[in-house]
């Protein structure tokens, strides 16, 4: 496997691992949300986690598109 390809695979695995971790953290944060009177710090935690998740998903999509266009 070419070095740059193995680096891409390793980076992709790291992103996928972080995405799984973020999904768990998001689920846990949602469980902490009360039915009423949501506390701002908890809501900020949730929004930050979701923002990071969305960015990582975009990176994966961009990497998949780049890999597809390279014919790999």
N, C-alpha and C. Protein backbone atom coordinates (compact mmCIF):
# COMPACT_ATOMS: atom_id res chain seq x y z
N UNK A 1 0.85 -1.18 0.00
CA UNK A 1 0.00 0.00 0.00
C UNK A 1 0.90 1.24 0.00
N UNK A 2 0.66 2.17 -0.91
CA UNK A 2 1.47 3.39 -0.95
C UNK A 2 1.36 4.15 0.37
N UNK A 3 2.43 4.83 0.72
CA UNK A 3 2.48 5.53 2.00
C UNK A 3 1.34 6.52 2.16
N UNK A 4 1.06 7.33 1.15
CA UNK A 4 0.00 8.33 1.28
C UNK A 4 -1.37 7.68 1.43
N UNK A 5 -1.57 6.51 0.81
CA UNK A 5 -2.84 5.81 0.95
C UNK A 5 -2.99 5.25 2.36
N UNK A 6 -1.91 4.69 2.88
CA UNK A 6 -1.99 4.16 4.25
C UNK A 6 -2.22 5.29 5.25
N UNK A 7 -1.65 6.45 4.99
CA UNK A 7 -1.88 7.61 5.85
C UNK A 7 -3.34 8.05 5.77
N UNK A 8 -3.91 8.04 4.56
CA UNK A 8 -5.32 8.40 4.39
C UNK A 8 -6.21 7.42 5.12
N UNK A 9 -5.91 6.13 5.02
CA UNK A 9 -6.72 5.12 5.70
C UNK A 9 -6.63 5.31 7.20
N UNK A 10 -5.41 5.53 7.70
CA UNK A 10 -5.23 5.75 9.13
C UNK A 10 -5.99 6.99 9.59
N UNK A 11 -5.90 8.07 8.82
CA UNK A 11 -6.62 9.30 9.16
C UNK A 11 -8.12 9.09 9.12
N UNK A 12 -8.58 8.32 8.14
CA UNK A 12 -10.00 8.02 8.02
C UNK A 12 -10.47 7.22 9.23
N UNK A 13 -9.67 6.24 9.64
CA UNK A 13 -10.03 5.43 10.81
C UNK A 13 -10.11 6.30 12.07
N UNK A 14 -9.17 7.24 12.20
CA UNK A 14 -9.19 8.13 13.35
C UNK A 14 -10.46 8.98 13.35
N UNK A 15 -10.83 9.48 12.19
CA UNK A 15 -12.05 10.30 12.09
C UNK A 15 -13.26 9.46 12.43
N UNK A 16 -13.32 8.24 11.88
CA UNK A 16 -14.46 7.37 12.15
C UNK A 16 -14.54 7.01 13.63
N UNK A 17 -13.40 6.77 14.26
CA UNK A 17 -13.38 6.49 15.70
C UNK A 17 -13.88 7.68 16.49
N UNK A 18 -13.42 8.87 16.11
CA UNK A 18 -13.87 10.08 16.81
C UNK A 18 -15.36 10.31 16.59
N UNK A 19 -15.85 10.02 15.39
CA UNK A 19 -17.29 10.15 15.13
C UNK A 19 -18.10 9.24 16.05
N UNK A 20 -17.65 7.99 16.20
CA UNK A 20 -18.36 7.07 17.09
C UNK A 20 -18.34 7.59 18.53
N UNK A 21 -17.20 8.11 18.95
CA UNK A 21 -17.09 8.67 20.29
C UNK A 21 -18.03 9.87 20.44
N UNK A 22 -18.07 10.74 19.44
CA UNK A 22 -18.95 11.90 19.49
C UNK A 22 -20.41 11.50 19.56
N UNK A 23 -20.79 10.47 18.81
CA UNK A 23 -22.18 10.01 18.84
C UNK A 23 -22.55 9.54 20.25
N UNK A 24 -21.62 8.85 20.92
CA UNK A 24 -21.88 8.42 22.31
C UNK A 24 -22.00 9.63 23.23
N UNK A 25 -21.10 10.60 23.06
CA UNK A 25 -21.14 11.80 23.90
C UNK A 25 -22.42 12.61 23.65
N UNK A 26 -22.84 12.69 22.41
CA UNK A 26 -24.08 13.41 22.08
C UNK A 26 -25.27 12.72 22.74
N UNK A 27 -25.32 11.40 22.64
CA UNK A 27 -26.42 10.65 23.27
C UNK A 27 -26.43 10.87 24.78
N UNK A 28 -25.25 10.84 25.40
CA UNK A 28 -25.16 11.06 26.85
C UNK A 28 -25.59 12.47 27.21
N UNK A 29 -25.17 13.45 26.44
CA UNK A 29 -25.55 14.84 26.71
C UNK A 29 -27.05 15.02 26.56
N UNK A 30 -27.64 14.39 25.54
CA UNK A 30 -29.10 14.47 25.36
C UNK A 30 -29.83 13.86 26.55
N UNK A 31 -29.26 12.79 27.12
CA UNK A 31 -29.89 12.18 28.30
C UNK A 31 -29.84 13.12 29.49
N UNK A 32 -28.84 14.00 29.52
CA UNK A 32 -28.72 14.95 30.63
C UNK A 32 -29.66 16.14 30.48
N UNK A 33 -30.24 16.31 29.29
CA UNK A 33 -31.14 17.43 29.09
C UNK A 33 -32.45 17.20 29.84
N UNK A 34 -32.80 18.12 30.71
CA UNK A 34 -34.09 17.97 31.39
C UNK A 34 -35.23 18.28 30.43
N UNK A 35 -36.41 17.78 30.77
CA UNK A 35 -37.58 18.02 29.93
C UNK A 35 -37.92 19.51 29.88
N UNK A 36 -37.61 20.20 30.95
CA UNK A 36 -37.90 21.64 31.03
C UNK A 36 -36.68 22.37 31.55
N UNK A 37 -36.59 23.62 31.28
CA UNK A 37 -35.53 24.48 31.79
C UNK A 37 -34.13 23.93 31.49
N UNK A 38 -33.85 23.83 30.21
CA UNK A 38 -32.54 23.34 29.78
C UNK A 38 -31.47 24.33 30.23
N UNK A 39 -30.43 23.80 30.85
CA UNK A 39 -29.33 24.64 31.32
C UNK A 39 -28.43 25.02 30.15
N UNK A 40 -28.08 26.30 30.04
CA UNK A 40 -27.23 26.74 28.92
C UNK A 40 -25.92 25.98 28.76
N UNK A 41 -25.20 25.65 29.85
CA UNK A 41 -23.94 24.92 29.65
C UNK A 41 -24.15 23.54 29.00
N UNK A 42 -25.21 22.87 29.36
CA UNK A 42 -25.48 21.55 28.78
C UNK A 42 -25.85 21.71 27.30
N UNK A 43 -26.62 22.72 27.00
CA UNK A 43 -27.00 22.97 25.61
C UNK A 43 -25.77 23.34 24.78
N UNK A 44 -24.87 24.13 25.35
CA UNK A 44 -23.64 24.49 24.65
C UNK A 44 -22.78 23.26 24.40
N UNK A 45 -22.71 22.38 25.39
CA UNK A 45 -21.96 21.12 25.20
C UNK A 45 -22.53 20.36 24.01
N UNK A 46 -23.83 20.22 23.98
CA UNK A 46 -24.49 19.49 22.90
C UNK A 46 -24.21 20.13 21.54
N UNK A 47 -24.36 21.43 21.46
CA UNK A 47 -24.13 22.13 20.20
C UNK A 47 -22.68 22.01 19.73
N UNK A 48 -21.74 22.10 20.66
CA UNK A 48 -20.32 21.94 20.31
C UNK A 48 -20.02 20.54 19.80
N UNK A 49 -20.57 19.53 20.47
CA UNK A 49 -20.36 18.15 20.03
C UNK A 49 -20.96 17.93 18.64
N UNK A 50 -22.15 18.45 18.42
CA UNK A 50 -22.80 18.29 17.11
C UNK A 50 -22.03 19.03 16.02
N UNK A 51 -21.50 20.19 16.34
CA UNK A 51 -20.70 20.94 15.36
C UNK A 51 -19.45 20.15 14.98
N UNK A 52 -18.76 19.58 15.98
CA UNK A 52 -17.56 18.81 15.68
C UNK A 52 -17.92 17.58 14.84
N UNK A 53 -19.03 16.92 15.19
CA UNK A 53 -19.47 15.76 14.43
C UNK A 53 -19.73 16.13 12.98
N UNK A 54 -20.42 17.24 12.76
CA UNK A 54 -20.73 17.68 11.40
C UNK A 54 -19.47 17.98 10.60
N UNK A 55 -18.49 18.61 11.23
CA UNK A 55 -17.22 18.90 10.54
C UNK A 55 -16.49 17.62 10.15
N UNK A 56 -16.48 16.64 11.05
CA UNK A 56 -15.81 15.38 10.76
C UNK A 56 -16.51 14.63 9.64
N UNK A 57 -17.84 14.68 9.63
CA UNK A 57 -18.59 14.04 8.54
C UNK A 57 -18.25 14.70 7.20
N UNK A 58 -18.12 16.03 7.20
CA UNK A 58 -17.75 16.73 5.98
C UNK A 58 -16.36 16.30 5.51
N UNK A 59 -15.43 16.14 6.46
CA UNK A 59 -14.08 15.69 6.10
C UNK A 59 -14.11 14.31 5.47
N UNK A 60 -14.91 13.41 6.06
CA UNK A 60 -15.01 12.06 5.50
C UNK A 60 -15.61 12.09 4.10
N UNK A 61 -16.64 12.89 3.92
CA UNK A 61 -17.27 13.00 2.59
C UNK A 61 -16.28 13.56 1.57
N UNK A 62 -15.52 14.58 1.98
CA UNK A 62 -14.53 15.17 1.07
C UNK A 62 -13.44 14.15 0.74
N UNK A 63 -13.01 13.39 1.74
CA UNK A 63 -11.98 12.38 1.51
C UNK A 63 -12.51 11.29 0.59
N UNK A 64 -13.76 10.90 0.77
CA UNK A 64 -14.35 9.86 -0.10
C UNK A 64 -14.47 10.37 -1.52
N UNK A 65 -14.85 11.62 -1.67
CA UNK A 65 -14.97 12.21 -3.01
C UNK A 65 -13.61 12.29 -3.68
N UNK A 66 -12.59 12.66 -2.92
CA UNK A 66 -11.24 12.77 -3.48
C UNK A 66 -10.72 11.39 -3.87
N UNK A 67 -10.99 10.40 -3.04
CA UNK A 67 -10.57 9.04 -3.33
C UNK A 67 -11.29 8.51 -4.57
N UNK A 68 -12.58 8.80 -4.68
CA UNK A 68 -13.36 8.35 -5.83
C UNK A 68 -12.86 8.99 -7.12
N UNK A 69 -12.52 10.25 -7.06
CA UNK A 69 -12.08 10.95 -8.26
C UNK A 69 -10.67 10.52 -8.67
N UNK A 70 -9.91 9.96 -7.70
CA UNK A 70 -8.56 9.47 -8.02
C UNK A 70 -8.60 8.07 -8.61
N UNK A 71 -9.79 7.46 -8.59
CA UNK A 71 -9.91 6.13 -9.14
C UNK A 71 -9.42 5.04 -8.22
N UNK A 72 -9.37 5.36 -6.93
CA UNK A 72 -8.90 4.37 -5.95
C UNK A 72 -10.09 3.67 -5.36
